[in-house]
C-alpha atoms as a PDB file:
ATOM      1  CA  MET A   1     -18.039  14.195  -2.888  1.00  0.00           C
ATOM      2  CA  ILE A   2     -20.622  11.917  -4.420  1.00  0.00           C
ATOM      3  CA  TRP A   3     -21.684  12.911  -7.897  1.00  0.00           C
ATOM      4  CA  ARG A   4     -25.347  12.161  -8.329  1.00  0.00           C
ATOM      5  CA  THR A   5     -25.970  12.520 -12.039  1.00  0.00           C
ATOM      6  CA  ALA A   6     -24.692  10.176 -14.740  1.00  0.00           C
ATOM      7  CA  LEU A   7     -23.104  13.071 -16.624  1.00  0.00           C
ATOM      8  CA  LEU A   8     -20.999  14.087 -13.641  1.00  0.00           C
ATOM      9  CA  ARG A   9     -19.975  10.474 -12.982  1.00  0.00           C
ATOM     10  CA  ALA A  10     -18.943  10.086 -16.634  1.00  0.00           C
ATOM     11  CA  THR A  11     -16.875  13.272 -16.354  1.00  0.00           C
ATOM     12  CA  ALA A  12     -14.822  11.688 -13.571  1.00  0.00           C
ATOM     13  CA  ILE A  13     -13.518   8.859 -15.795  1.00  0.00           C
ATOM     14  CA  PRO A  14     -11.379  10.972 -18.161  1.00  0.00           C
ATOM     15  CA  LEU A  15     -10.175  13.091 -15.251  1.00  0.00           C
ATOM     16  CA  ALA A  16      -9.075   9.983 -13.365  1.00  0.00           C
ATOM     17  CA  ILE A  17      -7.250   8.677 -16.453  1.00  0.00           C
ATOM     18  CA  ILE A  18      -5.446  12.003 -16.901  1.00  0.00           C
ATOM     19  CA  GLY A  19      -4.473  12.019 -13.225  1.00  0.00           C
ATOM     20  CA  LEU A  20      -3.098   8.474 -13.303  1.00  0.00           C
ATOM     21  CA  TRP A  21      -1.211   9.149 -16.530  1.00  0.00           C
ATOM     22  CA  GLY A  22       0.329  12.295 -15.055  1.00  0.00           C
ATOM     23  CA  ALA A  23       1.368  10.507 -11.877  1.00  0.00           C
ATOM     24  CA  GLU A  24       3.097   7.791 -13.892  1.00  0.00           C
ATOM     25  CA  ARG A  25       4.827  10.199 -16.278  1.00  0.00           C
ATOM     26  CA  GLY A  26       5.869  12.749 -13.660  1.00  0.00           C
ATOM     27  CA  PRO A  27       9.500  13.557 -12.919  1.00  0.00           C
ATOM     28  CA  ASP A  28      11.542  11.326 -10.650  1.00  0.00           C
ATOM     29  CA  TYR A  29      12.658  12.736  -7.340  1.00  0.00           C
ATOM     30  CA  ASP A  30      16.293  13.751  -6.785  1.00  0.00           C
ATOM     31  CA  ILE A  31      16.381  13.247  -3.023  1.00  0.00           C
ATOM     32  CA  ALA A  32      14.383  11.237  -0.493  1.00  0.00           C
ATOM     33  CA  ILE A  33      14.841  11.664   3.259  1.00  0.00           C
ATOM     34  CA  ALA A  34      13.942   8.995   5.803  1.00  0.00           C
ATOM     35  CA  ALA A  35      11.293   9.881   8.380  1.00  0.00           C
ATOM     36  CA  THR A  36      13.922   9.752  11.128  1.00  0.00           C
ATOM     37  CA  GLY A  37      16.229  12.110   9.225  1.00  0.00           C
ATOM     38  CA  GLU A  38      19.177   9.747   9.720  1.00  0.00           C
ATOM     39  CA  SER A  39      19.572   8.854   6.053  1.00  0.00           C
ATOM     40  CA  ALA A  40      18.764  10.135   2.598  1.00  0.00           C
ATOM     41  CA  ALA A  41      18.840   8.784  -0.946  1.00  0.00           C
ATOM     42  CA  VAL A  42      20.266  11.113  -3.590  1.00  0.00           C
ATOM     43  CA  ARG A  43      20.075  10.544  -7.356  1.00  0.00           C
ATOM     44  CA  THR A  44      23.500  10.865  -8.979  1.00  0.00           C
ATOM     45  CA  ALA A  45      24.197  12.140 -12.500  1.00  0.00           C
ATOM     46  CA  ASP A  46      24.120   8.580 -13.879  1.00  0.00           C
ATOM     47  CA  GLY A  47      20.653   7.982 -12.379  1.00  0.00           C
ATOM     48  CA  GLN A  48      21.661   5.668  -9.527  1.00  0.00           C
ATOM     49  CA  LEU A  49      20.443   6.252  -5.972  1.00  0.00           C
ATOM     50  CA  THR A  50      23.184   6.807  -3.380  1.00  0.00           C
ATOM     51  CA  VAL A  51      22.496   6.602   0.361  1.00  0.00           C
ATOM     52  CA  LEU A  52      23.911   9.301   2.606  1.00  0.00           C
ATOM     53  CA  GLY A  53      24.054   8.837   6.364  1.00  0.00           C
ATOM     54  CA  ALA A  54      23.000   5.719   8.265  1.00  0.00           C
ATOM     55  CA  ARG A  55      21.984   2.611   6.329  1.00  0.00           C
ATOM     56  CA  PRO A  56      18.157   2.592   6.080  1.00  0.00           C
ATOM     57  CA  SER A  57      16.059  -0.458   6.901  1.00  0.00           C
ATOM     58  CA  GLY A  58      15.206  -2.949   4.181  1.00  0.00           C
ATOM     59  CA  PHE A  59      11.662  -1.613   3.963  1.00  0.00           C
ATOM     60  CA  VAL A  60      12.805   1.982   3.457  1.00  0.00           C
ATOM     61  CA  SER A  61      15.358   0.890   0.851  1.00  0.00           C
ATOM     62  CA  GLU A  62      12.712  -1.053  -1.053  1.00  0.00           C
ATOM     63  CA  GLN A  63      10.324   1.924  -1.051  1.00  0.00           C
ATOM     64  CA  TRP A  64      13.047   4.260  -2.299  1.00  0.00           C
ATOM     65  CA  LEU A  65      13.957   1.849  -5.081  1.00  0.00           C
ATOM     66  CA  ARG A  66      10.329   1.468  -6.185  1.00  0.00           C
ATOM     67  CA  ALA A  67       9.594   5.176  -6.113  1.00  0.00           C
ATOM     68  CA  GLY A  68      12.852   6.058  -7.826  1.00  0.00           C
ATOM     69  CA  ARG A  69      12.587   3.378 -10.527  1.00  0.00           C
ATOM     70  CA  ALA A  70      16.201   2.512  -9.792  1.00  0.00           C
ATOM     71  CA  ASP A  71      18.345  -0.608  -9.959  1.00  0.00           C
ATOM     72  CA  ARG A  72      17.797  -3.250  -7.317  1.00  0.00           C
ATOM     73  CA  ARG A  73      20.591  -1.939  -5.101  1.00  0.00           C
ATOM     74  CA  LEU A  74      21.550   1.302  -3.419  1.00  0.00           C
ATOM     75  CA  ALA A  75      25.106   2.606  -3.380  1.00  0.00           C
ATOM     76  CA  THR A  76      26.325   3.680   0.051  1.00  0.00           C
ATOM     77  CA  GLU A  77      28.232   6.924   0.528  1.00  0.00           C
ATOM     78  CA  THR A  78      30.401   7.131   3.638  1.00  0.00           C
END
């Protein structure tokens, strides 16, 4: 949607700031499942991510670590 008046455009700025702030401050996820369903990352009580199932690719691991704000390694559960 394109807002045509200056007032409506100015209204979008605070709404965008609130949205970005909320996305940053939102709760962390407790579980993430790979698209293939072969592996999952679960947050333990101490806040570390543990991998269940097959070892995910490096790309998937990196995305889980970024999204989960975790340490730079994943623990593997057998």
